[in-house]
PDB file of N, CA and C in Angstrom:
ATOM      1  N   UNK A   1     -90.205  31.184  28.086  1.00  0.00           N
ATOM      2  CA  UNK A   1     -90.654  32.047  29.157  1.00  0.00           C
ATOM      3  C   UNK A   1     -90.567  33.489  28.698  1.00  0.00           C
ATOM      4  N   UNK A   2     -91.464  34.313  29.186  1.00  0.00           N
ATOM      5  CA  UNK A   2     -91.434  35.732  28.814  1.00  0.00           C
ATOM      6  C   UNK A   2     -90.210  36.401  29.402  1.00  0.00           C
ATOM      7  N   UNK A   3     -89.612  37.327  28.657  1.00  0.00           N
ATOM      8  CA  UNK A   3     -88.408  37.985  29.176  1.00  0.00           C
ATOM      9  C   UNK A   3     -88.692  38.768  30.449  1.00  0.00           C
ATOM     10  N   UNK A   4     -89.873  39.360  30.595  1.00  0.00           N
ATOM     11  CA  UNK A   4     -90.154  40.174  31.774  1.00  0.00           C
ATOM     12  C   UNK A   4     -90.891  39.428  32.858  1.00  0.00           C
ATOM     13  N   UNK A   5     -91.105  38.124  32.683  1.00  0.00           N
ATOM     14  CA  UNK A   5     -91.871  37.357  33.660  1.00  0.00           C
ATOM     15  C   UNK A   5     -90.989  36.976  34.840  1.00  0.00           C
ATOM     16  N   UNK A   6     -91.583  36.991  35.992  1.00  0.00           N
ATOM     17  CA  UNK A   6     -90.853  36.583  37.187  1.00  0.00           C
ATOM     18  C   UNK A   6     -90.968  35.077  37.351  1.00  0.00           C
ATOM     19  N   UNK A   7     -90.038  34.457  38.066  1.00  0.00           N
ATOM     20  CA  UNK A   7     -90.111  33.003  38.251  1.00  0.00           C
ATOM     21  C   UNK A   7     -91.423  32.625  38.957  1.00  0.00           C
ATOM     22  N   UNK A   8     -92.036  31.546  38.494  1.00  0.00           N
ATOM     23  CA  UNK A   8     -93.293  31.080  39.070  1.00  0.00           C
ATOM     24  C   UNK A   8     -94.517  31.702  38.413  1.00  0.00           C
ATOM     25  N   UNK A   9     -94.335  32.734  37.626  1.00  0.00           N
ATOM     26  CA  UNK A   9     -95.453  33.388  36.944  1.00  0.00           C
ATOM     27  C   UNK A   9     -95.708  32.662  35.631  1.00  0.00           C
ATOM     28  N   UNK A  10     -96.979  32.440  35.318  1.00  0.00           N
ATOM     29  CA  UNK A  10     -97.285  31.756  34.072  1.00  0.00           C
ATOM     30  C   UNK A  10     -97.012  32.682  32.892  1.00  0.00           C
ATOM     31  N   UNK A  11     -96.611  32.115  31.759  1.00  0.00           N
ATOM     32  CA  UNK A  11     -96.304  32.947  30.591  1.00  0.00           C
ATOM     33  C   UNK A  11     -97.568  33.620  30.058  1.00  0.00           C
ATOM     34  N   UNK A  12     -97.369  34.762  29.434  1.00  0.00           N
ATOM     35  CA  UNK A  12     -98.499  35.492  28.851  1.00  0.00           C
ATOM     36  C   UNK A  12     -99.046  34.711  27.683  1.00  0.00           C
ATOM     37  N   UNK A  13    -100.352  34.739  27.522  1.00  0.00           N
ATOM     38  CA  UNK A  13    -100.990  34.036  26.419  1.00  0.00           C
ATOM     39  C   UNK A  13    -101.031  34.949  25.209  1.00  0.00           C
ATOM     40  N   UNK A  14    -100.746  34.368  24.065  1.00  0.00           N
ATOM     41  CA  UNK A  14    -100.742  35.119  22.819  1.00  0.00           C
ATOM     42  C   UNK A  14    -101.716  34.448  21.870  1.00  0.00           C
ATOM     43  N   UNK A  15    -102.566  35.242  21.244  1.00  0.00           N
ATOM     44  CA  UNK A  15    -103.504  34.710  20.264  1.00  0.00           C
ATOM     45  C   UNK A  15    -102.972  35.029  18.878  1.00  0.00           C
ATOM     46  N   UNK A  16    -102.869  33.998  18.064  1.00  0.00           N
ATOM     47  CA  UNK A  16    -102.386  34.168  16.703  1.00  0.00           C
ATOM     48  C   UNK A  16    -103.576  33.968  15.768  1.00  0.00           C
ATOM     49  N   UNK A  17    -103.852  34.978  14.974  1.00  0.00           N
ATOM     50  CA  UNK A  17    -104.959  34.888  14.019  1.00  0.00           C
ATOM     51  C   UNK A  17    -104.502  35.377  12.659  1.00  0.00           C
ATOM     52  N   UNK A  18    -105.251  34.998  11.661  1.00  0.00           N
ATOM     53  CA  UNK A  18    -104.967  35.478  10.312  1.00  0.00           C
ATOM     54  C   UNK A  18    -105.592  36.851  10.142  1.00  0.00           C
ATOM     55  N   UNK A  19    -105.011  37.679   9.287  1.00  0.00           N
ATOM     56  CA  UNK A  19    -105.619  38.990   9.050  1.00  0.00           C
ATOM     57  C   UNK A  19    -107.034  38.832   8.487  1.00  0.00           C
ATOM     58  N   UNK A  20    -107.917  39.709   8.876  1.00  0.00           N
ATOM     59  CA  UNK A  20    -109.314  39.599   8.452  1.00  0.00           C
ATOM     60  C   UNK A  20    -109.478  39.855   6.955  1.00  0.00           C
ATOM     61  N   UNK A  21    -108.591  40.641   6.366  1.00  0.00           N
ATOM     62  CA  UNK A  21    -108.729  40.954   4.946  1.00  0.00           C
ATOM     63  C   UNK A  21    -107.971  39.968   4.046  1.00  0.00           C
ATOM     64  N   UNK A  22    -107.359  38.926   4.637  1.00  0.00           N
ATOM     65  CA  UNK A  22    -106.611  37.960   3.838  1.00  0.00           C
ATOM     66  C   UNK A  22    -107.597  37.041   3.110  1.00  0.00           C
ATOM     67  N   UNK A  23    -107.359  36.792   1.841  1.00  0.00           N
ATOM     68  CA  UNK A  23    -108.262  35.884   1.111  1.00  0.00           C
ATOM     69  C   UNK A  23    -108.059  34.451   1.605  1.00  0.00           C
ATOM     70  N   UNK A  24    -109.105  33.630   1.539  1.00  0.00           N
ATOM     71  CA  UNK A  24    -108.944  32.235   1.965  1.00  0.00           C
ATOM     72  C   UNK A  24    -107.966  31.504   1.056  1.00  0.00           C
ATOM     73  N   UNK A  25    -107.231  30.597   1.647  1.00  0.00           N
ATOM     74  CA  UNK A  25    -106.255  29.834   0.888  1.00  0.00           C
ATOM     75  C   UNK A  25    -106.997  28.728   0.136  1.00  0.00           C
ATOM     76  N   UNK A  26    -106.904  28.724  -1.188  1.00  0.00           N
ATOM     77  CA  UNK A  26    -107.622  27.690  -1.934  1.00  0.00           C
ATOM     78  C   UNK A  26    -106.944  26.338  -1.791  1.00  0.00           C
ATOM     79  N   UNK A  27    -107.740  25.293  -1.769  1.00  0.00           N
ATOM     80  CA  UNK A  27    -107.213  23.937  -1.721  1.00  0.00           C
ATOM     81  C   UNK A  27    -106.814  23.499  -3.116  1.00  0.00           C
ATOM     82  N   UNK A  28    -106.410  22.260  -3.229  1.00  0.00           N
ATOM     83  CA  UNK A  28    -106.048  21.770  -4.559  1.00  0.00           C
ATOM     84  C   UNK A  28    -107.282  21.744  -5.451  1.00  0.00           C
ATOM     85  N   UNK A  29    -107.099  22.200  -6.665  1.00  0.00           N
ATOM     86  CA  UNK A  29    -108.227  22.234  -7.592  1.00  0.00           C
ATOM     87  C   UNK A  29    -108.071  21.113  -8.604  1.00  0.00           C
ATOM     88  N   UNK A  30    -109.185  20.497  -8.904  1.00  0.00           N
ATOM     89  CA  UNK A  30    -109.197  19.450  -9.914  1.00  0.00           C
ATOM     90  C   UNK A  30    -109.994  19.956 -11.104  1.00  0.00           C
ATOM     91  N   UNK A  31    -109.487  19.701 -12.249  1.00  0.00           N
ATOM     92  CA  UNK A  31    -110.198  20.098 -13.454  1.00  0.00           C
ATOM     93  C   UNK A  31    -111.319  19.101 -13.715  1.00  0.00           C
ATOM     94  N   UNK A  32    -112.517  19.582 -14.035  1.00  0.00           N
ATOM     95  CA  UNK A  32    -113.592  18.639 -14.324  1.00  0.00           C
ATOM     96  C   UNK A  32    -113.242  17.800 -15.541  1.00  0.00           C
ATOM     97  N   UNK A  33    -113.557  16.528 -15.452  1.00  0.00           N
ATOM     98  CA  UNK A  33    -113.302  15.635 -16.570  1.00  0.00           C
ATOM     99  C   UNK A  33    -111.956  14.942 -16.511  1.00  0.00           C
ATOM    100  N   UNK A  34    -111.120  15.260 -15.527  1.00  0.00           N
ATOM    101  CA  UNK A  34    -109.828  14.583 -15.413  1.00  0.00           C
ATOM    102  C   UNK A  34    -110.029  13.246 -14.711  1.00  0.00           C
ATOM    103  N   UNK A  35    -109.134  12.299 -14.932  1.00  0.00           N
ATOM    104  CA  UNK A  35    -109.257  11.010 -14.242  1.00  0.00           C
ATOM    105  C   UNK A  35    -109.222  11.153 -12.715  1.00  0.00           C
ATOM    106  N   UNK A  36    -108.406  12.076 -12.206  1.00  0.00           N
ATOM    107  CA  UNK A  36    -108.334  12.272 -10.752  1.00  0.00           C
ATOM    108  C   UNK A  36    -109.680  12.723 -10.207  1.00  0.00           C
ATOM    109  N   UNK A  37    -110.336  13.624 -10.923  1.00  0.00           N
ATOM    110  CA  UNK A  37    -111.652  14.104 -10.507  1.00  0.00           C
ATOM    111  C   UNK A  37    -112.661  12.958 -10.513  1.00  0.00           C
ATOM    112  N   UNK A  38    -112.631  12.140 -11.543  1.00  0.00           N
ATOM    113  CA  UNK A  38    -113.545  10.999 -11.636  1.00  0.00           C
ATOM    114  C   UNK A  38    -113.311  10.030 -10.489  1.00  0.00           C
ATOM    115  N   UNK A  39    -112.044   9.678 -10.214  1.00  0.00           N
ATOM    116  CA  UNK A  39    -111.731   8.732  -9.150  1.00  0.00           C
ATOM    117  C   UNK A  39    -112.109   9.296  -7.783  1.00  0.00           C
ATOM    118  N   UNK A  40    -111.857  10.583  -7.580  1.00  0.00           N
ATOM    119  CA  UNK A  40    -112.195  11.191  -6.296  1.00  0.00           C
ATOM    120  C   UNK A  40    -113.705  11.206  -6.084  1.00  0.00           C
ATOM    121  N   UNK A  41    -114.447  11.558  -7.101  1.00  0.00           N
ATOM    122  CA  UNK A  41    -115.913  11.560  -6.984  1.00  0.00           C
ATOM    123  C   UNK A  41    -116.453  10.149  -6.748  1.00  0.00           C
ATOM    124  N   UNK A  42    -115.865   9.161  -7.411  1.00  0.00           N
ATOM    125  CA  UNK A  42    -116.334   7.788  -7.196  1.00  0.00           C
ATOM    126  C   UNK A  42    -115.989   7.314  -5.786  1.00  0.00           C
ATOM    127  N   UNK A  43    -114.836   7.743  -5.244  1.00  0.00           N
ATOM    128  CA  UNK A  43    -114.496   7.399  -3.860  1.00  0.00           C
ATOM    129  C   UNK A  43    -115.497   8.026  -2.900  1.00  0.00           C
ATOM    130  N   UNK A  44    -115.817   9.287  -3.106  1.00  0.00           N
ATOM    131  CA  UNK A  44    -116.768   9.973  -2.231  1.00  0.00           C
ATOM    132  C   UNK A  44    -118.135   9.301  -2.305  1.00  0.00           C
ATOM    133  N   UNK A  45    -118.577   8.953  -3.515  1.00  0.00           N
ATOM    134  CA  UNK A  45    -119.872   8.267  -3.670  1.00  0.00           C
ATOM    135  C   UNK A  45    -119.862   6.904  -2.981  1.00  0.00           C
ATOM    136  N   UNK A  46    -118.787   6.163  -3.128  1.00  0.00           N
ATOM    137  CA  UNK A  46    -118.743   4.834  -2.513  1.00  0.00           C
ATOM    138  C   UNK A  46    -118.701   4.937  -0.988  1.00  0.00           C
ATOM    139  N   UNK A  47    -117.984   5.932  -0.456  1.00  0.00           N
ATOM    140  CA  UNK A  47    -117.948   6.121   0.996  1.00  0.00           C
ATOM    141  C   UNK A  47    -119.323   6.546   1.515  1.00  0.00           C
ATOM    142  N   UNK A  48    -120.019   7.397   0.781  1.00  0.00           N
ATOM    143  CA  UNK A  48    -121.360   7.810   1.183  1.00  0.00           C
ATOM    144  C   UNK A  48    -122.317   6.626   1.142  1.00  0.00           C
ATOM    145  N   UNK A  49    -122.252   5.846   0.080  1.00  0.00           N
ATOM    146  CA  UNK A  49    -123.113   4.665  -0.048  1.00  0.00           C
ATOM    147  C   UNK A  49    -122.838   3.681   1.087  1.00  0.00           C
ATOM    148  N   UNK A  50    -121.580   3.500   1.416  1.00  0.00           N
ATOM    149  CA  UNK A  50    -121.205   2.594   2.501  1.00  0.00           C
ATOM    150  C   UNK A  50    -121.737   3.091   3.840  1.00  0.00           C
ATOM    151  N   UNK A  51    -121.545   4.366   4.130  1.00  0.00           N
ATOM    152  CA  UNK A  51    -122.003   4.892   5.419  1.00  0.00           C
ATOM    153  C   UNK A  51    -123.521   4.839   5.535  1.00  0.00           C
ATOM    154  N   UNK A  52    -124.233   5.134   4.454  1.00  0.00           N
ATOM    155  CA  UNK A  52    -125.695   5.068   4.502  1.00  0.00           C
ATOM    156  C   UNK A  52    -126.185   3.630   4.663  1.00  0.00           C
ATOM    157  N   UNK A  53    -125.525   2.687   4.014  1.00  0.00           N
ATOM    158  CA  UNK A  53    -125.962   1.296   4.145  1.00  0.00           C
ATOM    159  C   UNK A  53    -125.673   0.752   5.546  1.00  0.00           C
ATOM    160  N   UNK A  54    -124.537   1.120   6.146  1.00  0.00           N
ATOM    161  CA  UNK A  54    -124.244   0.678   7.510  1.00  0.00           C
ATOM    162  C   UNK A  54    -125.236   1.307   8.486  1.00  0.00           C
ATOM    163  N   UNK A  55    -125.531   2.594   8.308  1.00  0.00           N
ATOM    164  CA  UNK A  55    -126.500   3.258   9.187  1.00  0.00           C
ATOM    165  C   UNK A  55    -127.888   2.650   9.024  1.00  0.00           C
ATOM    166  N   UNK A  56    -128.282   2.333   7.795  1.00  0.00           N
ATOM    167  CA  UNK A  56    -129.595   1.721   7.564  1.00  0.00           C
ATOM    168  C   UNK A  56    -129.650   0.321   8.170  1.00  0.00           C
ATOM    169  N   UNK A  57    -128.616  -0.455   8.001  1.00  0.00           N
ATOM    170  CA  UNK A  57    -128.587  -1.796   8.592  1.00  0.00           C
ATOM    171  C   UNK A  57    -128.645  -1.758  10.103  1.00  0.00           C
ATOM    172  N   UNK A  58    -127.920  -0.832  10.705  1.00  0.00           N
ATOM    173  CA  UNK A  58    -127.935  -0.682  12.158  1.00  0.00           C
ATOM    174  C   UNK A  58    -129.324  -0.268  12.633  1.00  0.00           C
ATOM    175  N   UNK A  59    -129.949   0.655  11.918  1.00  0.00           N
ATOM    176  CA  UNK A  59    -131.292   1.103  12.278  1.00  0.00           C
ATOM    177  C   UNK A  59    -132.296  -0.039  12.168  1.00  0.00           C
ATOM    178  N   UNK A  60    -132.191  -0.839  11.131  1.00  0.00           N
ATOM    179  CA  UNK A  60    -133.093  -1.980  10.962  1.00  0.00           C
ATOM    180  C   UNK A  60    -132.921  -2.967  12.114  1.00  0.00           C
ATOM    181  N   UNK A  61    -131.684  -3.256  12.505  1.00  0.00           N
ATOM    182  CA  UNK A  61    -131.456  -4.161  13.626  1.00  0.00           C
ATOM    183  C   UNK A  61    -132.051  -3.625  14.921  1.00  0.00           C
ATOM    184  N   UNK A  62    -131.893  -2.329  15.162  1.00  0.00           N
ATOM    185  CA  UNK A  62    -132.490  -1.738  16.359  1.00  0.00           C
ATOM    186  C   UNK A  62    -134.005  -1.825  16.324  1.00  0.00           C
ATOM    187  N   UNK A  63    -134.592  -1.577  15.163  1.00  0.00           N
ATOM    188  CA  UNK A  63    -136.052  -1.666  15.042  1.00  0.00           C
ATOM    189  C   UNK A  63    -136.536  -3.104  15.236  1.00  0.00           C
ATOM    190  N   UNK A  64    -135.808  -4.074  14.713  1.00  0.00           N
ATOM    191  CA  UNK A  64    -136.188  -5.471  14.895  1.00  0.00           C
ATOM    192  C   UNK A  64    -136.163  -5.846  16.372  1.00  0.00           C
ATOM    193  N   UNK A  65    -135.133  -5.418  17.085  1.00  0.00           N
ATOM    194  CA  UNK A  65    -135.057  -5.704  18.523  1.00  0.00           C
ATOM    195  C   UNK A  65    -136.203  -5.031  19.260  1.00  0.00           C
ATOM    196  N   UNK A  66    -136.492  -3.780  18.934  1.00  0.00           N
ATOM    197  CA  UNK A  66    -137.585  -3.068  19.603  1.00  0.00           C
ATOM    198  C   UNK A  66    -138.938  -3.702  19.308  1.00  0.00           C
ATOM    199  N   UNK A  67    -139.169  -4.090  18.058  1.00  0.00           N
ATOM    200  CA  UNK A  67    -140.443  -4.736  17.696  1.00  0.00           C
ATOM    201  C   UNK A  67    -140.549  -6.099  18.376  1.00  0.00           C
ATOM    202  N   UNK A  68    -139.443  -6.841  18.418  1.00  0.00           N
ATOM    203  CA  UNK A  68    -139.435  -8.132  19.094  1.00  0.00           C
ATOM    204  C   UNK A  68    -139.831  -7.973  20.558  1.00  0.00           C
ATOM    205  N   UNK A  69    -139.270  -7.005  21.219  1.00  0.00           N
ATOM    206  CA  UNK A  69    -139.580  -6.780  22.635  1.00  0.00           C
ATOM    207  C   UNK A  69    -141.015  -6.287  22.810  1.00  0.00           C
ATOM    208  N   UNK A  70    -141.475  -5.439  21.902  1.00  0.00           N
ATOM    209  CA  UNK A  70    -142.824  -4.875  22.038  1.00  0.00           C
ATOM    210  C   UNK A  70    -143.917  -5.899  21.757  1.00  0.00           C
ATOM    211  N   UNK A  71    -143.712  -6.775  20.782  1.00  0.00           N
ATOM    212  CA  UNK A  71    -144.784  -7.671  20.359  1.00  0.00           C
ATOM    213  C   UNK A  71    -144.632  -9.114  20.828  1.00  0.00           C
ATOM    214  N   UNK A  72    -143.643  -9.401  21.615  1.00  0.00           N
ATOM    215  CA  UNK A  72    -143.492 -10.737  22.185  1.00  0.00           C
ATOM    216  C   UNK A  72    -143.538 -10.594  23.695  1.00  0.00           C
ATOM    217  N   UNK A  73    -144.730 -10.651  24.274  1.00  0.00           N
ATOM    218  CA  UNK A  73    -144.881 -10.382  25.706  1.00  0.00           C
ATOM    219  C   UNK A  73    -144.171 -11.404  26.598  1.00  0.00           C
ATOM    220  N   UNK A  74    -143.946 -12.619  26.108  1.00  0.00           N
ATOM    221  CA  UNK A  74    -143.288 -13.624  26.941  1.00  0.00           C
ATOM    222  C   UNK A  74    -141.821 -13.285  27.212  1.00  0.00           C
ATOM    223  N   UNK A  75    -141.257 -12.391  26.430  1.00  0.00           N
ATOM    224  CA  UNK A  75    -139.838 -12.046  26.638  1.00  0.00           C
ATOM    225  C   UNK A  75    -139.630 -11.345  27.979  1.00  0.00           C
ATOM    226  N   UNK A  76    -140.680 -10.714  28.489  1.00  0.00           N
ATOM    227  CA  UNK A  76    -140.564 -10.029  29.785  1.00  0.00           C
ATOM    228  C   UNK A  76    -140.515 -11.030  30.935  1.00  0.00           C
ATOM    229  N   UNK A  77    -140.941 -12.255  30.684  1.00  0.00           N
ATOM    230  CA  UNK A  77    -140.914 -13.297  31.708  1.00  0.00           C
ATOM    231  C   UNK A  77    -139.520 -13.922  31.840  1.00  0.00           C
ATOM    232  N   UNK A  78    -138.746 -13.911  30.754  1.00  0.00           N
ATOM    233  CA  UNK A  78    -137.422 -14.542  30.755  1.00  0.00           C
ATOM    234  C   UNK A  78    -136.449 -13.633  31.503  1.00  0.00           C
ATOM    235  N   UNK A  79    -135.749 -14.226  32.443  1.00  0.00           N
ATOM    236  CA  UNK A  79    -134.813 -13.446  33.259  1.00  0.00           C
ATOM    237  C   UNK A  79    -133.449 -14.131  33.309  1.00  0.00           C
ATOM    238  N   UNK A  80    -132.430 -13.313  33.402  1.00  0.00           N
ATOM    239  CA  UNK A  80    -131.075 -13.787  33.648  1.00  0.00           C
ATOM    240  C   UNK A  80    -130.731 -13.278  35.034  1.00  0.00           C
ATOM    241  N   UNK A  81    -130.735 -14.161  35.984  1.00  0.00           N
ATOM    242  CA  UNK A  81    -130.607 -13.720  37.369  1.00  0.00           C
ATOM    243  C   UNK A  81    -131.904 -13.017  37.751  1.00  0.00           C
ATOM    244  N   UNK A  82    -131.791 -11.746  38.090  1.00  0.00           N
ATOM    245  CA  UNK A  82    -132.992 -10.966  38.423  1.00  0.00           C
ATOM    246  C   UNK A  82    -133.314  -9.927  37.355  1.00  0.00           C
ATOM    247  N   UNK A  83    -132.534  -9.895  36.300  1.00  0.00           N
ATOM    248  CA  UNK A  83    -132.690  -8.868  35.262  1.00  0.00           C
ATOM    249  C   UNK A  83    -133.469  -9.450  34.080  1.00  0.00           C
ATOM    250  N   UNK A  84    -134.524  -8.777  33.643  1.00  0.00           N
ATOM    251  CA  UNK A  84    -135.252  -9.265  32.458  1.00  0.00           C
ATOM    252  C   UNK A  84    -134.354  -9.239  31.223  1.00  0.00           C
ATOM    253  N   UNK A  85    -134.517 -10.233  30.376  1.00  0.00           N
ATOM    254  CA  UNK A  85    -133.669 -10.338  29.186  1.00  0.00           C
ATOM    255  C   UNK A  85    -133.915  -9.183  28.216  1.00  0.00           C
ATOM    256  N   UNK A  86    -135.108  -8.605  28.245  1.00  0.00           N
ATOM    257  CA  UNK A  86    -135.382  -7.448  27.382  1.00  0.00           C
ATOM    258  C   UNK A  86    -134.465  -6.280  27.753  1.00  0.00           C
ATOM    259  N   UNK A  87    -134.249  -6.092  29.027  1.00  0.00           N
ATOM    260  CA  UNK A  87    -133.343  -5.024  29.464  1.00  0.00           C
ATOM    261  C   UNK A  87    -131.912  -5.316  29.017  1.00  0.00           C
ATOM    262  N   UNK A  88    -131.524  -6.579  29.128  1.00  0.00           N
ATOM    263  CA  UNK A  88    -130.167  -6.935  28.699  1.00  0.00           C
ATOM    264  C   UNK A  88    -129.992  -6.738  27.199  1.00  0.00           C
ATOM    265  N   UNK A  89    -131.025  -7.089  26.434  1.00  0.00           N
ATOM    266  CA  UNK A  89    -130.936  -6.885  24.983  1.00  0.00           C
ATOM    267  C   UNK A  89    -130.774  -5.412  24.645  1.00  0.00           C
ATOM    268  N   UNK A  90    -131.588  -4.586  25.273  1.00  0.00           N
ATOM    269  CA  UNK A  90    -131.514  -3.152  24.970  1.00  0.00           C
ATOM    270  C   UNK A  90    -130.312  -2.478  25.614  1.00  0.00           C
ATOM    271  N   UNK A  91    -129.959  -2.902  26.812  1.00  0.00           N
ATOM    272  CA  UNK A  91    -128.880  -2.228  27.539  1.00  0.00           C
ATOM    273  C   UNK A  91    -127.492  -2.672  27.146  1.00  0.00           C
ATOM    274  N   UNK A  92    -127.296  -3.975  27.019  1.00  0.00           N
ATOM    275  CA  UNK A  92    -125.959  -4.481  26.739  1.00  0.00           C
ATOM    276  C   UNK A  92    -125.854  -5.161  25.379  1.00  0.00           C
ATOM    277  N   UNK A  93    -126.952  -5.617  24.841  1.00  0.00           N
ATOM    278  CA  UNK A  93    -126.913  -6.335  23.565  1.00  0.00           C
ATOM    279  C   UNK A  93    -126.669  -5.458  22.365  1.00  0.00           C
ATOM    280  N   UNK A  94    -126.843  -4.160  22.527  1.00  0.00           N
ATOM    281  CA  UNK A  94    -126.645  -3.228  21.421  1.00  0.00           C
ATOM    282  C   UNK A  94    -125.151  -2.990  21.154  1.00  0.00           C
ATOM    283  N   UNK A  95    -124.339  -3.035  22.202  1.00  0.00           N
ATOM    284  CA  UNK A  95    -122.928  -2.701  22.035  1.00  0.00           C
ATOM    285  C   UNK A  95    -122.170  -3.653  21.115  1.00  0.00           C
ATOM    286  N   UNK A  96    -122.380  -4.955  21.182  1.00  0.00           N
ATOM    287  CA  UNK A  96    -121.708  -5.817  20.192  1.00  0.00           C
ATOM    288  C   UNK A  96    -122.139  -5.499  18.758  1.00  0.00           C
ATOM    289  N   UNK A  97    -123.399  -5.104  18.588  1.00  0.00           N
ATOM    290  CA  UNK A  97    -123.872  -4.731  17.253  1.00  0.00           C
ATOM    291  C   UNK A  97    -123.164  -3.464  16.789  1.00  0.00           C
ATOM    292  N   UNK A  98    -123.004  -2.508  17.684  1.00  0.00           N
ATOM    293  CA  UNK A  98    -122.296  -1.268  17.338  1.00  0.00           C
ATOM    294  C   UNK A  98    -120.849  -1.581  16.964  1.00  0.00           C
ATOM    295  N   UNK A  99    -120.181  -2.406  17.761  1.00  0.00           N
ATOM    296  CA  UNK A  99    -118.785  -2.750  17.471  1.00  0.00           C
ATOM    297  C   UNK A  99    -118.654  -3.512  16.147  1.00  0.00           C
ATOM    298  N   UNK A 100    -119.577  -4.424  15.887  1.00  0.00           N
ATOM    299  CA  UNK A 100    -119.522  -5.167  14.622  1.00  0.00           C
ATOM    300  C   UNK A 100    -119.756  -4.235  13.438  1.00  0.00           C
ATOM    301  N   UNK A 101    -120.723  -3.331  13.555  1.00  0.00           N
ATOM    302  CA  UNK A 101    -120.982  -2.379  12.467  1.00  0.00           C
ATOM    303  C   UNK A 101    -119.771  -1.479  12.238  1.00  0.00           C
ATOM    304  N   UNK A 102    -119.142  -1.031  13.326  1.00  0.00           N
ATOM    305  CA  UNK A 102    -117.963  -0.169  13.193  1.00  0.00           C
ATOM    306  C   UNK A 102    -116.797  -0.919  12.549  1.00  0.00           C
ATOM    307  N   UNK A 103    -116.600  -2.177  12.943  1.00  0.00           N
ATOM    308  CA  UNK A 103    -115.508  -2.963  12.363  1.00  0.00           C
ATOM    309  C   UNK A 103    -115.752  -3.222  10.873  1.00  0.00           C
ATOM    310  N   UNK A 104    -116.985  -3.573  10.520  1.00  0.00           N
ATOM    311  CA  UNK A 104    -117.291  -3.794   9.110  1.00  0.00           C
ATOM    312  C   UNK A 104    -117.146  -2.515   8.294  1.00  0.00           C
ATOM    313  N   UNK A 105    -117.595  -1.398   8.855  1.00  0.00           N
ATOM    314  CA  UNK A 105    -117.475  -0.124   8.157  1.00  0.00           C
ATOM    315  C   UNK A 105    -116.006   0.235   7.948  1.00  0.00           C
ATOM    316  N   UNK A 106    -115.206   0.079   8.990  1.00  0.00           N
ATOM    317  CA  UNK A 106    -113.791   0.431   8.893  1.00  0.00           C
ATOM    318  C   UNK A 106    -113.087  -0.433   7.856  1.00  0.00           C
ATOM    319  N   UNK A 107    -113.400  -1.711   7.833  1.00  0.00           N
ATOM    320  CA  UNK A 107    -112.785  -2.613   6.869  1.00  0.00           C
ATOM    321  C   UNK A 107    -113.171  -2.251   5.431  1.00  0.00           C
ATOM    322  N   UNK A 108    -114.454  -1.999   5.207  1.00  0.00           N
ATOM    323  CA  UNK A 108    -114.908  -1.644   3.868  1.00  0.00           C
ATOM    324  C   UNK A 108    -114.385  -0.277   3.443  1.00  0.00           C
ATOM    325  N   UNK A 109    -114.306   0.648   4.377  1.00  0.00           N
ATOM    326  CA  UNK A 109    -113.791   1.985   4.078  1.00  0.00           C
ATOM    327  C   UNK A 109    -112.315   1.911   3.673  1.00  0.00           C
ATOM    328  N   UNK A 110    -111.551   1.120   4.391  1.00  0.00           N
ATOM    329  CA  UNK A 110    -110.137   0.936   4.053  1.00  0.00           C
ATOM    330  C   UNK A 110    -109.985   0.292   2.681  1.00  0.00           C
ATOM    331  N   UNK A 111    -110.843  -0.684   2.375  1.00  0.00           N
ATOM    332  CA  UNK A 111    -110.807  -1.332   1.067  1.00  0.00           C
ATOM    333  C   UNK A 111    -111.113  -0.333  -0.049  1.00  0.00           C
ATOM    334  N   UNK A 112    -112.113   0.545   0.167  1.00  0.00           N
ATOM    335  CA  UNK A 112    -112.437   1.573  -0.827  1.00  0.00           C
ATOM    336  C   UNK A 112    -111.263   2.516  -1.055  1.00  0.00           C
ATOM    337  N   UNK A 113    -110.628   2.940   0.022  1.00  0.00           N
ATOM    338  CA  UNK A 113    -109.500   3.863  -0.109  1.00  0.00           C
ATOM    339  C   UNK A 113    -108.309   3.198  -0.776  1.00  0.00           C
ATOM    340  N   UNK A 114    -108.088   1.919  -0.488  1.00  0.00           N
ATOM    341  CA  UNK A 114    -106.989   1.198  -1.134  1.00  0.00           C
ATOM    342  C   UNK A 114    -107.234   1.097  -2.636  1.00  0.00           C
ATOM    343  N   UNK A 115    -108.482   0.817  -3.019  1.00  0.00           N
ATOM    344  CA  UNK A 115    -108.809   0.764  -4.450  1.00  0.00           C
ATOM    345  C   UNK A 115    -108.600   2.118  -5.107  1.00  0.00           C
ATOM    346  N   UNK A 116    -108.976   3.185  -4.409  1.00  0.00           N
ATOM    347  CA  UNK A 116    -108.782   4.531  -4.955  1.00  0.00           C
ATOM    348  C   UNK A 116    -107.299   4.816  -5.148  1.00  0.00           C
ATOM    349  N   UNK A 117    -106.488   4.490  -4.146  1.00  0.00           N
ATOM    350  CA  UNK A 117    -105.043   4.733  -4.273  1.00  0.00           C
ATOM    351  C   UNK A 117    -104.448   3.932  -5.423  1.00  0.00           C
ATOM    352  N   UNK A 118    -104.908   2.688  -5.579  1.00  0.00           N
ATOM    353  CA  UNK A 118    -104.395   1.868  -6.683  1.00  0.00           C
ATOM    354  C   UNK A 118    -104.765   2.473  -8.024  1.00  0.00           C
ATOM    355  N   UNK A 119    -105.999   2.929  -8.167  1.00  0.00           N
ATOM    356  CA  UNK A 119    -106.427   3.550  -9.434  1.00  0.00           C
ATOM    357  C   UNK A 119    -105.722   4.889  -9.664  1.00  0.00           C
ATOM    358  N   UNK A 120    -105.591   5.680  -8.616  1.00  0.00           N
ATOM    359  CA  UNK A 120    -105.000   7.010  -8.768  1.00  0.00           C
ATOM    360  C   UNK A 120    -103.501   6.951  -9.042  1.00  0.00           C
ATOM    361  N   UNK A 121    -102.842   5.885  -8.583  1.00  0.00           N
ATOM    362  CA  UNK A 121    -101.387   5.806  -8.774  1.00  0.00           C
ATOM    363  C   UNK A 121    -101.002   5.228 -10.137  1.00  0.00           C
ATOM    364  N   UNK A 122    -101.971   4.713 -10.873  1.00  0.00           N
ATOM    365  CA  UNK A 122    -101.651   4.193 -12.216  1.00  0.00           C
ATOM    366  C   UNK A 122    -101.308   5.332 -13.162  1.00  0.00           C
ATOM    367  N   UNK A 123    -100.342   5.087 -14.050  1.00  0.00           N
ATOM    368  CA  UNK A 123     -99.972   6.154 -14.997  1.00  0.00           C
ATOM    369  C   UNK A 123    -100.992   6.360 -16.078  1.00  0.00           C
TER     370      UNK A 123
END
């Protein structure tokens, strides 16, 4: 509590900032050509490749569902209760696909990081 604040009064807000003329703090630097640099770059490449492949697979599945609904007119006749199945596919059927893609991505990402840690920890 502020020394001059009265009871029930909210404390004064203080903004903490770095000086404007302070140089940025450099992160850890890796020398090009070191094993750590090679392993880190390969981890980044594998994570990028994984994320692009999951995004591409998800996009393909969405396009297949959209094309199926657009070019199969009988699907509009099929109903679950009073709701057309096309609406259910687009409205609720996408979420299990999203969850499956996220679970697969998380599992593969963890596997990539574990391999990186194993390689990086070797003497």
